N, C-alpha and C. Protein backbone atom coordinates (compact mmCIF):
# COMPACT_ATOMS: atom_id res chain seq x y z
N MET A 1 -30.00 57.01 -68.90
CA MET A 1 -31.43 57.11 -68.98
C MET A 1 -31.81 58.20 -69.97
N SER A 2 -31.84 57.82 -71.22
CA SER A 2 -32.12 58.77 -72.28
C SER A 2 -33.52 58.57 -72.83
N THR A 3 -34.01 59.62 -73.48
CA THR A 3 -35.29 59.52 -74.16
C THR A 3 -35.07 58.96 -75.55
N ASN A 4 -36.12 58.85 -76.33
CA ASN A 4 -36.01 58.25 -77.67
C ASN A 4 -35.09 59.05 -78.59
N ASN A 5 -35.05 60.38 -78.46
CA ASN A 5 -34.27 61.17 -79.40
C ASN A 5 -32.80 61.34 -78.96
N GLY A 6 -32.36 60.60 -77.93
CA GLY A 6 -30.98 60.64 -77.51
C GLY A 6 -30.66 61.66 -76.44
N LYS A 7 -31.59 62.56 -76.13
CA LYS A 7 -31.37 63.54 -75.07
C LYS A 7 -31.59 62.87 -73.72
N PRO A 8 -30.78 63.22 -72.72
CA PRO A 8 -31.05 62.70 -71.38
C PRO A 8 -32.43 63.15 -70.90
N ARG A 9 -33.05 62.31 -70.10
CA ARG A 9 -34.42 62.54 -69.64
C ARG A 9 -34.54 63.86 -68.87
N LEU A 10 -33.58 64.14 -67.98
CA LEU A 10 -33.67 65.36 -67.19
C LEU A 10 -33.40 66.62 -68.02
N ARG A 11 -32.61 66.51 -69.07
CA ARG A 11 -32.40 67.67 -69.94
C ARG A 11 -33.70 68.02 -70.65
N LYS A 12 -34.39 66.99 -71.13
CA LYS A 12 -35.69 67.21 -71.78
C LYS A 12 -36.68 67.79 -70.79
N HIS A 13 -36.68 67.28 -69.55
CA HIS A 13 -37.56 67.80 -68.50
C HIS A 13 -37.24 69.27 -68.23
N TYR A 14 -35.96 69.61 -68.18
CA TYR A 14 -35.58 71.01 -67.95
C TYR A 14 -36.08 71.90 -69.08
N GLU A 15 -35.84 71.48 -70.32
CA GLU A 15 -36.23 72.29 -71.47
C GLU A 15 -37.75 72.42 -71.60
N ASP A 16 -38.48 71.34 -71.33
CA ASP A 16 -39.92 71.35 -71.53
C ASP A 16 -40.70 71.97 -70.36
N THR A 17 -40.24 71.76 -69.14
CA THR A 17 -41.03 72.13 -67.97
C THR A 17 -40.35 73.15 -67.07
N VAL A 18 -39.15 72.83 -66.62
CA VAL A 18 -38.49 73.62 -65.58
C VAL A 18 -38.16 75.03 -66.06
N ARG A 19 -37.66 75.16 -67.28
CA ARG A 19 -37.28 76.48 -67.79
C ARG A 19 -38.47 77.44 -67.78
N GLY A 20 -39.64 76.97 -68.21
CA GLY A 20 -40.84 77.80 -68.20
C GLY A 20 -41.29 78.17 -66.80
N LYS A 21 -41.23 77.21 -65.87
CA LYS A 21 -41.62 77.49 -64.48
C LYS A 21 -40.70 78.53 -63.86
N LEU A 22 -39.40 78.42 -64.11
CA LEU A 22 -38.45 79.38 -63.55
C LEU A 22 -38.66 80.77 -64.15
N ALA A 23 -38.90 80.83 -65.45
CA ALA A 23 -39.14 82.12 -66.10
C ALA A 23 -40.38 82.80 -65.53
N ASP A 24 -41.44 82.03 -65.29
CA ASP A 24 -42.67 82.59 -64.72
C ASP A 24 -42.47 82.99 -63.26
N ALA A 25 -41.79 82.15 -62.49
CA ALA A 25 -41.63 82.40 -61.06
C ALA A 25 -40.79 83.64 -60.77
N PHE A 26 -39.75 83.86 -61.56
CA PHE A 26 -38.83 84.98 -61.29
C PHE A 26 -38.96 86.12 -62.30
N GLY A 27 -39.87 85.99 -63.26
CA GLY A 27 -40.12 87.07 -64.20
C GLY A 27 -39.01 87.30 -65.22
N PHE A 28 -38.35 86.23 -65.65
CA PHE A 28 -37.29 86.37 -66.65
C PHE A 28 -37.92 86.53 -68.03
N GLU A 29 -37.50 87.55 -68.78
CA GLU A 29 -37.99 87.74 -70.14
C GLU A 29 -37.02 87.14 -71.15
N ASN A 30 -35.74 87.26 -70.87
CA ASN A 30 -34.71 86.72 -71.75
C ASN A 30 -34.45 85.25 -71.37
N PRO A 31 -34.52 84.33 -72.33
CA PRO A 31 -34.31 82.92 -71.99
C PRO A 31 -32.92 82.62 -71.45
N HIS A 32 -31.95 83.49 -71.73
CA HIS A 32 -30.59 83.28 -71.22
C HIS A 32 -30.45 83.65 -69.75
N GLN A 33 -31.45 84.35 -69.20
CA GLN A 33 -31.43 84.69 -67.79
C GLN A 33 -31.88 83.53 -66.91
N VAL A 34 -32.61 82.59 -67.48
CA VAL A 34 -33.16 81.48 -66.71
C VAL A 34 -32.02 80.60 -66.19
N PRO A 35 -32.00 80.34 -64.87
CA PRO A 35 -30.92 79.52 -64.29
C PRO A 35 -30.91 78.12 -64.89
N ARG A 36 -29.71 77.58 -65.02
CA ARG A 36 -29.55 76.22 -65.51
C ARG A 36 -28.38 75.58 -64.77
N LEU A 37 -28.31 74.29 -64.86
CA LEU A 37 -27.20 73.55 -64.26
C LEU A 37 -26.02 73.63 -65.23
N VAL A 38 -24.88 74.09 -64.73
CA VAL A 38 -23.69 74.26 -65.58
C VAL A 38 -22.81 73.02 -65.53
N LYS A 39 -22.52 72.55 -64.30
CA LYS A 39 -21.67 71.37 -64.15
C LYS A 39 -21.91 70.73 -62.79
N ILE A 40 -21.48 69.49 -62.68
CA ILE A 40 -21.50 68.76 -61.42
C ILE A 40 -20.08 68.27 -61.17
N VAL A 41 -19.55 68.58 -59.98
CA VAL A 41 -18.19 68.19 -59.63
C VAL A 41 -18.24 67.14 -58.53
N LEU A 42 -17.62 65.99 -58.76
CA LEU A 42 -17.50 64.93 -57.77
C LEU A 42 -16.07 64.96 -57.25
N ASN A 43 -15.91 65.02 -55.92
CA ASN A 43 -14.60 65.14 -55.32
C ASN A 43 -14.46 64.16 -54.17
N ALA A 44 -13.44 63.32 -54.22
CA ALA A 44 -13.14 62.40 -53.12
C ALA A 44 -11.78 62.78 -52.56
N GLY A 45 -11.77 63.39 -51.40
CA GLY A 45 -10.52 63.76 -50.75
C GLY A 45 -10.09 62.65 -49.82
N LEU A 46 -8.87 62.16 -49.99
CA LEU A 46 -8.35 61.05 -49.19
C LEU A 46 -7.03 61.47 -48.58
N GLY A 47 -7.05 61.83 -47.31
CA GLY A 47 -5.82 62.24 -46.64
C GLY A 47 -4.82 61.11 -46.57
N GLU A 48 -5.31 59.85 -46.47
CA GLU A 48 -4.40 58.70 -46.41
C GLU A 48 -3.83 58.35 -47.78
N GLY A 49 -4.27 59.02 -48.82
CA GLY A 49 -3.80 58.72 -50.17
C GLY A 49 -2.32 58.93 -50.35
N LYS A 50 -1.73 59.82 -49.57
CA LYS A 50 -0.29 60.08 -49.68
C LYS A 50 0.52 58.88 -49.22
N ASP A 51 -0.05 58.10 -48.26
CA ASP A 51 0.65 56.93 -47.73
C ASP A 51 0.27 55.64 -48.45
N ASN A 52 -0.90 55.62 -49.05
CA ASN A 52 -1.42 54.39 -49.65
C ASN A 52 -1.86 54.66 -51.09
N PRO A 53 -0.96 54.49 -52.05
CA PRO A 53 -1.33 54.77 -53.46
C PRO A 53 -2.43 53.83 -53.98
N LYS A 54 -2.54 52.62 -53.41
CA LYS A 54 -3.58 51.69 -53.85
C LYS A 54 -4.97 52.23 -53.50
N LEU A 55 -5.09 52.89 -52.34
CA LEU A 55 -6.35 53.51 -51.93
C LEU A 55 -6.74 54.62 -52.89
N LEU A 56 -5.78 55.43 -53.27
CA LEU A 56 -6.03 56.54 -54.20
C LEU A 56 -6.44 56.01 -55.57
N GLU A 57 -5.77 54.96 -56.03
CA GLU A 57 -6.11 54.35 -57.31
C GLU A 57 -7.51 53.73 -57.27
N SER A 58 -7.85 53.10 -56.16
CA SER A 58 -9.18 52.51 -55.99
C SER A 58 -10.27 53.59 -56.02
N ALA A 59 -10.03 54.70 -55.31
CA ALA A 59 -11.00 55.79 -55.29
C ALA A 59 -11.17 56.40 -56.68
N ALA A 60 -10.07 56.54 -57.41
CA ALA A 60 -10.14 57.08 -58.77
C ALA A 60 -10.94 56.14 -59.68
N ASN A 61 -10.73 54.84 -59.53
CA ASN A 61 -11.48 53.87 -60.34
C ASN A 61 -12.96 53.91 -60.01
N GLU A 62 -13.29 54.05 -58.72
CA GLU A 62 -14.70 54.14 -58.31
C GLU A 62 -15.35 55.39 -58.87
N LEU A 63 -14.64 56.53 -58.84
CA LEU A 63 -15.19 57.76 -59.42
C LEU A 63 -15.40 57.60 -60.92
N ALA A 64 -14.49 56.90 -61.58
CA ALA A 64 -14.64 56.66 -63.02
C ALA A 64 -15.87 55.83 -63.31
N VAL A 65 -16.13 54.82 -62.48
CA VAL A 65 -17.30 53.96 -62.67
C VAL A 65 -18.58 54.74 -62.39
N ILE A 66 -18.57 55.55 -61.34
CA ILE A 66 -19.75 56.33 -60.95
C ILE A 66 -20.09 57.37 -62.01
N SER A 67 -19.07 58.06 -62.52
CA SER A 67 -19.31 59.20 -63.41
C SER A 67 -19.27 58.85 -64.89
N GLY A 68 -18.58 57.77 -65.25
CA GLY A 68 -18.43 57.44 -66.66
C GLY A 68 -17.35 58.28 -67.33
N GLN A 69 -16.47 58.84 -66.53
CA GLN A 69 -15.44 59.73 -67.04
C GLN A 69 -14.20 59.55 -66.17
N ARG A 70 -13.01 59.67 -66.78
CA ARG A 70 -11.77 59.47 -66.03
C ARG A 70 -11.50 60.63 -65.09
N PRO A 71 -11.24 60.34 -63.80
CA PRO A 71 -11.00 61.43 -62.85
C PRO A 71 -9.57 61.97 -62.93
N VAL A 72 -9.39 63.13 -62.32
CA VAL A 72 -8.09 63.77 -62.21
C VAL A 72 -7.62 63.57 -60.78
N ILE A 73 -6.35 63.22 -60.60
CA ILE A 73 -5.79 63.08 -59.26
C ILE A 73 -5.45 64.48 -58.76
N THR A 74 -5.98 64.85 -57.58
CA THR A 74 -5.70 66.16 -57.01
C THR A 74 -4.47 66.07 -56.12
N LYS A 75 -3.70 67.15 -56.09
CA LYS A 75 -2.47 67.18 -55.31
C LYS A 75 -2.51 68.31 -54.30
N ALA A 76 -1.76 68.16 -53.23
CA ALA A 76 -1.71 69.17 -52.18
C ALA A 76 -1.12 70.46 -52.73
N ARG A 77 -1.77 71.60 -52.39
CA ARG A 77 -1.29 72.90 -52.87
C ARG A 77 -0.16 73.44 -52.03
N GLN A 78 -0.14 73.04 -50.76
CA GLN A 78 0.91 73.55 -49.88
C GLN A 78 1.32 72.47 -48.89
N SER A 79 2.48 72.64 -48.31
CA SER A 79 2.99 71.70 -47.32
C SER A 79 2.41 72.02 -45.95
N ILE A 80 2.03 70.97 -45.21
CA ILE A 80 1.55 71.11 -43.83
C ILE A 80 2.31 70.08 -43.01
N SER A 81 3.24 70.56 -42.18
CA SER A 81 4.13 69.65 -41.46
C SER A 81 3.40 68.80 -40.43
N ASN A 82 2.35 69.32 -39.79
CA ASN A 82 1.62 68.53 -38.80
C ASN A 82 0.95 67.30 -39.39
N PHE A 83 0.63 67.34 -40.68
CA PHE A 83 -0.01 66.21 -41.35
C PHE A 83 0.98 65.41 -42.19
N ASN A 84 2.27 65.71 -42.08
CA ASN A 84 3.30 65.07 -42.92
C ASN A 84 2.93 65.18 -44.40
N LEU A 85 2.46 66.33 -44.78
CA LEU A 85 2.00 66.57 -46.14
C LEU A 85 2.94 67.54 -46.84
N ARG A 86 3.39 67.18 -48.01
CA ARG A 86 4.27 68.04 -48.80
C ARG A 86 3.54 68.50 -50.04
N GLU A 87 3.88 69.66 -50.49
CA GLU A 87 3.27 70.22 -51.70
C GLU A 87 3.47 69.26 -52.87
N GLY A 88 2.38 69.00 -53.59
CA GLY A 88 2.44 68.14 -54.77
C GLY A 88 2.11 66.68 -54.50
N MET A 89 1.92 66.30 -53.23
CA MET A 89 1.55 64.91 -52.93
C MET A 89 0.11 64.65 -53.36
N PRO A 90 -0.18 63.47 -53.93
CA PRO A 90 -1.56 63.15 -54.32
C PRO A 90 -2.43 62.92 -53.08
N ILE A 91 -3.60 63.60 -53.02
CA ILE A 91 -4.46 63.49 -51.84
C ILE A 91 -5.93 63.25 -52.19
N GLY A 92 -6.26 63.08 -53.45
CA GLY A 92 -7.67 62.86 -53.79
C GLY A 92 -7.87 62.70 -55.28
N ALA A 93 -9.14 62.64 -55.66
CA ALA A 93 -9.52 62.53 -57.07
C ALA A 93 -10.80 63.32 -57.29
N MET A 94 -10.94 63.88 -58.49
CA MET A 94 -12.16 64.62 -58.81
C MET A 94 -12.54 64.49 -60.27
N VAL A 95 -13.83 64.68 -60.53
CA VAL A 95 -14.37 64.60 -61.88
C VAL A 95 -15.33 65.77 -62.06
N THR A 96 -15.27 66.42 -63.22
CA THR A 96 -16.23 67.46 -63.57
C THR A 96 -17.10 66.96 -64.71
N LEU A 97 -18.40 66.94 -64.50
CA LEU A 97 -19.35 66.47 -65.51
C LEU A 97 -20.10 67.64 -66.10
N ARG A 98 -20.27 67.64 -67.41
CA ARG A 98 -21.02 68.67 -68.10
C ARG A 98 -21.94 68.01 -69.15
N ASP A 99 -22.89 68.79 -69.63
CA ASP A 99 -23.79 68.39 -70.72
C ASP A 99 -24.51 67.08 -70.44
N SER A 100 -24.49 66.15 -71.38
CA SER A 100 -25.28 64.93 -71.28
C SER A 100 -24.88 64.07 -70.09
N ARG A 101 -23.58 63.92 -69.86
CA ARG A 101 -23.13 63.11 -68.72
C ARG A 101 -23.60 63.70 -67.40
N MET A 102 -23.64 65.03 -67.33
CA MET A 102 -24.10 65.70 -66.11
C MET A 102 -25.57 65.36 -65.84
N TYR A 103 -26.42 65.48 -66.87
CA TYR A 103 -27.84 65.19 -66.69
C TYR A 103 -28.08 63.71 -66.39
N GLU A 104 -27.33 62.83 -67.05
CA GLU A 104 -27.49 61.40 -66.79
C GLU A 104 -27.04 61.05 -65.37
N PHE A 105 -25.94 61.67 -64.90
CA PHE A 105 -25.50 61.43 -63.52
C PHE A 105 -26.55 61.94 -62.53
N LEU A 106 -27.08 63.14 -62.77
CA LEU A 106 -28.08 63.70 -61.87
C LEU A 106 -29.31 62.80 -61.81
N ASP A 107 -29.73 62.26 -62.93
CA ASP A 107 -30.87 61.35 -62.97
C ASP A 107 -30.59 60.10 -62.15
N ARG A 108 -29.41 59.49 -62.33
CA ARG A 108 -29.05 58.30 -61.56
C ARG A 108 -28.90 58.62 -60.08
N PHE A 109 -28.35 59.79 -59.76
CA PHE A 109 -28.15 60.19 -58.37
C PHE A 109 -29.49 60.32 -57.65
N ILE A 110 -30.43 61.02 -58.29
CA ILE A 110 -31.73 61.26 -57.65
C ILE A 110 -32.58 59.99 -57.60
N SER A 111 -32.57 59.21 -58.67
CA SER A 111 -33.49 58.07 -58.75
C SER A 111 -32.95 56.79 -58.11
N THR A 112 -31.63 56.57 -58.10
CA THR A 112 -31.12 55.30 -57.55
C THR A 112 -30.21 55.46 -56.34
N ALA A 113 -29.34 56.45 -56.33
CA ALA A 113 -28.37 56.57 -55.23
C ALA A 113 -29.00 57.14 -53.97
N VAL A 114 -29.76 58.22 -54.10
CA VAL A 114 -30.34 58.87 -52.92
C VAL A 114 -31.27 57.93 -52.15
N PRO A 115 -32.11 57.14 -52.81
CA PRO A 115 -32.95 56.22 -52.04
C PRO A 115 -32.16 55.15 -51.28
N ARG A 116 -30.90 54.92 -51.64
CA ARG A 116 -30.07 53.92 -50.96
C ARG A 116 -29.33 54.50 -49.74
N VAL A 117 -29.42 55.82 -49.54
CA VAL A 117 -28.76 56.45 -48.38
C VAL A 117 -29.53 56.06 -47.13
N ARG A 118 -28.81 55.58 -46.13
CA ARG A 118 -29.42 55.14 -44.89
C ARG A 118 -29.98 56.32 -44.11
N ASP A 119 -31.18 56.19 -43.57
CA ASP A 119 -31.86 57.22 -42.77
C ASP A 119 -31.94 58.56 -43.49
N PHE A 120 -32.26 58.53 -44.76
CA PHE A 120 -32.32 59.76 -45.55
C PHE A 120 -33.65 60.47 -45.32
N ARG A 121 -33.58 61.74 -44.98
CA ARG A 121 -34.79 62.53 -44.75
C ARG A 121 -34.87 63.74 -45.66
N GLY A 122 -33.97 63.84 -46.60
CA GLY A 122 -33.94 64.97 -47.51
C GLY A 122 -32.70 65.80 -47.29
N PHE A 123 -32.31 66.54 -48.34
CA PHE A 123 -31.13 67.41 -48.24
C PHE A 123 -31.52 68.72 -47.59
N ASN A 124 -30.59 69.35 -46.93
CA ASN A 124 -30.80 70.63 -46.28
C ASN A 124 -30.93 71.72 -47.35
N SER A 125 -32.03 72.45 -47.34
CA SER A 125 -32.25 73.47 -48.38
C SER A 125 -31.51 74.76 -48.08
N ARG A 126 -30.83 74.86 -46.94
CA ARG A 126 -30.08 76.07 -46.62
C ARG A 126 -28.58 75.88 -46.79
N ALA A 127 -28.15 74.83 -47.46
CA ALA A 127 -26.73 74.54 -47.59
C ALA A 127 -26.13 75.10 -48.88
N PHE A 128 -26.70 76.17 -49.39
CA PHE A 128 -26.13 76.81 -50.58
C PHE A 128 -24.96 77.70 -50.16
N ASP A 129 -24.08 78.01 -51.09
CA ASP A 129 -22.86 78.75 -50.74
C ASP A 129 -22.99 80.27 -50.86
N GLY A 130 -24.16 80.78 -51.20
CA GLY A 130 -24.34 82.22 -51.36
C GLY A 130 -24.13 82.68 -52.79
N ARG A 131 -23.69 81.78 -53.66
CA ARG A 131 -23.48 82.11 -55.07
C ARG A 131 -24.23 81.17 -56.00
N GLY A 132 -25.26 80.50 -55.46
CA GLY A 132 -26.10 79.65 -56.30
C GLY A 132 -25.59 78.24 -56.50
N ASN A 133 -24.58 77.83 -55.75
CA ASN A 133 -24.04 76.48 -55.88
C ASN A 133 -24.42 75.67 -54.64
N TYR A 134 -24.60 74.36 -54.84
CA TYR A 134 -25.05 73.50 -53.76
C TYR A 134 -24.13 72.30 -53.66
N THR A 135 -23.66 71.99 -52.45
CA THR A 135 -22.77 70.85 -52.24
C THR A 135 -23.41 69.85 -51.29
N VAL A 136 -23.33 68.59 -51.67
CA VAL A 136 -23.87 67.48 -50.89
C VAL A 136 -22.71 66.58 -50.49
N GLY A 137 -22.67 66.17 -49.24
CA GLY A 137 -21.67 65.21 -48.79
C GLY A 137 -22.28 63.83 -48.68
N ILE A 138 -21.66 62.86 -49.32
CA ILE A 138 -22.10 61.47 -49.25
C ILE A 138 -21.09 60.72 -48.38
N LYS A 139 -21.56 60.00 -47.37
CA LYS A 139 -20.65 59.35 -46.42
C LYS A 139 -20.03 58.06 -46.96
N GLU A 140 -20.74 57.37 -47.84
CA GLU A 140 -20.24 56.10 -48.38
C GLU A 140 -20.42 56.08 -49.89
N GLN A 141 -19.40 55.62 -50.59
CA GLN A 141 -19.51 55.52 -52.05
C GLN A 141 -20.38 54.35 -52.47
N MET A 142 -20.78 53.51 -51.51
CA MET A 142 -21.56 52.32 -51.84
C MET A 142 -23.02 52.63 -52.17
N VAL A 143 -23.48 53.87 -51.99
CA VAL A 143 -24.86 54.19 -52.35
C VAL A 143 -25.04 54.18 -53.86
N PHE A 144 -23.95 54.25 -54.59
CA PHE A 144 -24.02 54.19 -56.05
C PHE A 144 -24.01 52.72 -56.47
N ALA A 145 -25.00 52.33 -57.23
CA ALA A 145 -25.17 50.94 -57.64
C ALA A 145 -24.01 50.46 -58.52
N GLU A 146 -23.31 51.38 -59.17
CA GLU A 146 -22.23 51.00 -60.08
C GLU A 146 -20.99 50.49 -59.35
N VAL A 147 -20.83 50.86 -58.09
CA VAL A 147 -19.64 50.47 -57.33
C VAL A 147 -19.76 49.02 -56.88
N ASP A 148 -18.74 48.22 -57.19
CA ASP A 148 -18.72 46.82 -56.81
C ASP A 148 -18.19 46.71 -55.37
N TYR A 149 -19.02 46.17 -54.50
CA TYR A 149 -18.69 46.08 -53.08
C TYR A 149 -17.41 45.28 -52.84
N ASP A 150 -17.16 44.24 -53.63
CA ASP A 150 -16.00 43.37 -53.44
C ASP A 150 -14.68 44.04 -53.80
N GLU A 151 -14.73 45.08 -54.61
CA GLU A 151 -13.49 45.74 -55.05
C GLU A 151 -13.15 46.98 -54.23
N ILE A 152 -13.93 47.27 -53.19
CA ILE A 152 -13.69 48.45 -52.37
C ILE A 152 -12.50 48.19 -51.44
N VAL A 153 -11.50 49.09 -51.50
CA VAL A 153 -10.36 48.99 -50.60
C VAL A 153 -10.71 49.57 -49.24
N LYS A 154 -11.39 50.72 -49.23
CA LYS A 154 -11.80 51.37 -48.00
C LYS A 154 -13.06 52.18 -48.28
N ILE A 155 -13.97 52.21 -47.31
CA ILE A 155 -15.17 53.02 -47.46
C ILE A 155 -14.79 54.47 -47.23
N HIS A 156 -15.16 55.33 -48.16
CA HIS A 156 -14.86 56.76 -48.05
C HIS A 156 -16.04 57.55 -48.57
N GLY A 157 -16.07 58.80 -48.26
CA GLY A 157 -17.14 59.66 -48.72
C GLY A 157 -16.72 60.47 -49.93
N LEU A 158 -17.64 61.26 -50.43
CA LEU A 158 -17.32 62.17 -51.51
C LEU A 158 -18.26 63.35 -51.47
N ASN A 159 -17.81 64.46 -52.02
CA ASN A 159 -18.62 65.66 -52.13
C ASN A 159 -19.10 65.81 -53.56
N ILE A 160 -20.36 66.20 -53.70
CA ILE A 160 -20.94 66.44 -55.01
C ILE A 160 -21.41 67.89 -55.03
N THR A 161 -20.85 68.69 -55.93
CA THR A 161 -21.21 70.10 -56.03
C THR A 161 -21.99 70.33 -57.31
N PHE A 162 -23.15 70.96 -57.16
CA PHE A 162 -24.01 71.31 -58.29
C PHE A 162 -23.80 72.80 -58.56
N VAL A 163 -23.18 73.12 -59.68
CA VAL A 163 -22.88 74.50 -60.04
C VAL A 163 -23.94 74.99 -61.01
N THR A 164 -24.59 76.12 -60.66
CA THR A 164 -25.66 76.67 -61.49
C THR A 164 -25.20 77.97 -62.14
N SER A 165 -25.96 78.44 -63.11
CA SER A 165 -25.60 79.66 -63.83
C SER A 165 -26.05 80.92 -63.09
N THR A 166 -26.79 80.77 -62.01
CA THR A 166 -27.27 81.92 -61.25
C THR A 166 -26.35 82.18 -60.07
N ASP A 167 -26.40 83.41 -59.56
CA ASP A 167 -25.63 83.71 -58.35
C ASP A 167 -26.54 83.92 -57.15
N ARG A 168 -27.81 83.57 -57.30
CA ARG A 168 -28.77 83.69 -56.20
C ARG A 168 -29.20 82.31 -55.71
N ASP A 169 -29.18 82.13 -54.41
CA ASP A 169 -29.52 80.84 -53.82
C ASP A 169 -30.98 80.47 -54.00
N ASP A 170 -31.88 81.46 -53.93
CA ASP A 170 -33.31 81.14 -54.07
C ASP A 170 -33.63 80.61 -55.46
N GLU A 171 -33.01 81.18 -56.49
CA GLU A 171 -33.23 80.69 -57.86
C GLU A 171 -32.65 79.29 -58.02
N ALA A 172 -31.47 79.06 -57.46
CA ALA A 172 -30.83 77.74 -57.56
C ALA A 172 -31.64 76.68 -56.81
N LEU A 173 -32.22 77.05 -55.67
CA LEU A 173 -33.05 76.12 -54.91
C LEU A 173 -34.27 75.68 -55.72
N VAL A 174 -34.94 76.64 -56.36
CA VAL A 174 -36.11 76.30 -57.17
C VAL A 174 -35.69 75.44 -58.36
N LEU A 175 -34.55 75.76 -58.97
CA LEU A 175 -34.05 74.96 -60.10
C LEU A 175 -33.82 73.52 -59.67
N LEU A 176 -33.08 73.31 -58.59
CA LEU A 176 -32.77 71.94 -58.16
C LEU A 176 -34.02 71.21 -57.68
N ARG A 177 -34.92 71.92 -57.01
CA ARG A 177 -36.17 71.30 -56.56
C ARG A 177 -36.99 70.82 -57.76
N GLU A 178 -37.09 71.65 -58.79
CA GLU A 178 -37.86 71.28 -59.98
C GLU A 178 -37.19 70.15 -60.77
N MET A 179 -35.87 70.03 -60.64
CA MET A 179 -35.16 68.94 -61.32
C MET A 179 -35.34 67.62 -60.58
N GLY A 180 -35.91 67.66 -59.36
CA GLY A 180 -36.21 66.44 -58.63
C GLY A 180 -35.38 66.21 -57.39
N MET A 181 -34.54 67.18 -57.01
CA MET A 181 -33.70 67.02 -55.82
C MET A 181 -34.58 67.01 -54.57
N PRO A 182 -34.50 65.97 -53.75
CA PRO A 182 -35.36 65.88 -52.56
C PRO A 182 -34.81 66.70 -51.40
N PHE A 183 -35.46 67.81 -51.08
CA PHE A 183 -35.05 68.64 -49.95
C PHE A 183 -35.90 68.31 -48.75
N ARG A 184 -35.39 68.57 -47.56
CA ARG A 184 -36.07 68.25 -46.29
C ARG A 184 -37.43 68.94 -46.19
N GLY A 185 -38.42 68.17 -45.71
CA GLY A 185 -39.73 68.74 -45.44
C GLY A 185 -40.58 68.98 -46.68
N GLU A 186 -40.16 68.47 -47.81
CA GLU A 186 -40.91 68.66 -49.05
C GLU A 186 -41.17 67.31 -49.69
N THR A 187 -42.25 67.21 -50.40
CA THR A 187 -42.51 65.99 -51.15
C THR A 187 -41.70 66.06 -52.43
N PRO A 188 -41.02 64.98 -52.80
CA PRO A 188 -40.18 65.01 -54.00
C PRO A 188 -41.01 65.18 -55.27
N VAL A 189 -40.43 65.89 -56.23
CA VAL A 189 -41.07 66.09 -57.53
C VAL A 189 -40.80 64.86 -58.37
N VAL A 190 -41.83 64.26 -58.92
CA VAL A 190 -41.67 63.08 -59.76
C VAL A 190 -41.51 63.53 -61.21
N VAL A 191 -40.40 63.14 -61.82
CA VAL A 191 -40.12 63.54 -63.20
C VAL A 191 -40.57 62.45 -64.14
C-alpha cells in the first residue's frame, strides 16, 4: 500500500503528521529525538518443530508469505531433557522487517489482519516491556489474508514485536497510537 511517490502510506503519515505531534507532545527540539519505529520482528515458535520438519517448513513458508521476506529458522540455545530438546534443534522461524517492508506490513496488519481477529476489543496499552517495545501475540496465522487456508499444516500463533527508537513506554504508546494501532478503550485513529 504505497503512495504515488513510492513511499509506503504509513511512512508518509509518520513524516507528515506523527513526527510533528510527537515533537509537540514531548517537547523534542532535535528531530533525531523523536521516537520512530525501528523494526518489526515476527516470531513463530513451534515446540513440535523438532519432531515434525514439515510443520516447521510450513510455518516458515507462511511467515515468508505474510512478511514478503525469507524467514530464519531458529534453533534451541540449550538442551532441556524434560522436553527431549537438544541444543541446535530447529524450534521456530522468525523474520525481521525494516524500512519500507516494515511500514507496509504495519499498514496491512492494522487495516486487514486486526479486523479479522475474533472478538477483538483492542490491544492492551500496558503490555510494553519497559524499554519502549511492544509485543502482540496472535493466536492464529489465518488472520492474515495472505495465508492460504488449504495449505496450512497446523494452526499456530505468532508474536509480533514492534521495536521503537525510544526507551520510554509512554512515548512508544503515543507513537503506535498515532500510527493507527487500536488500543483498548480508545477509538482507532484513521490514517
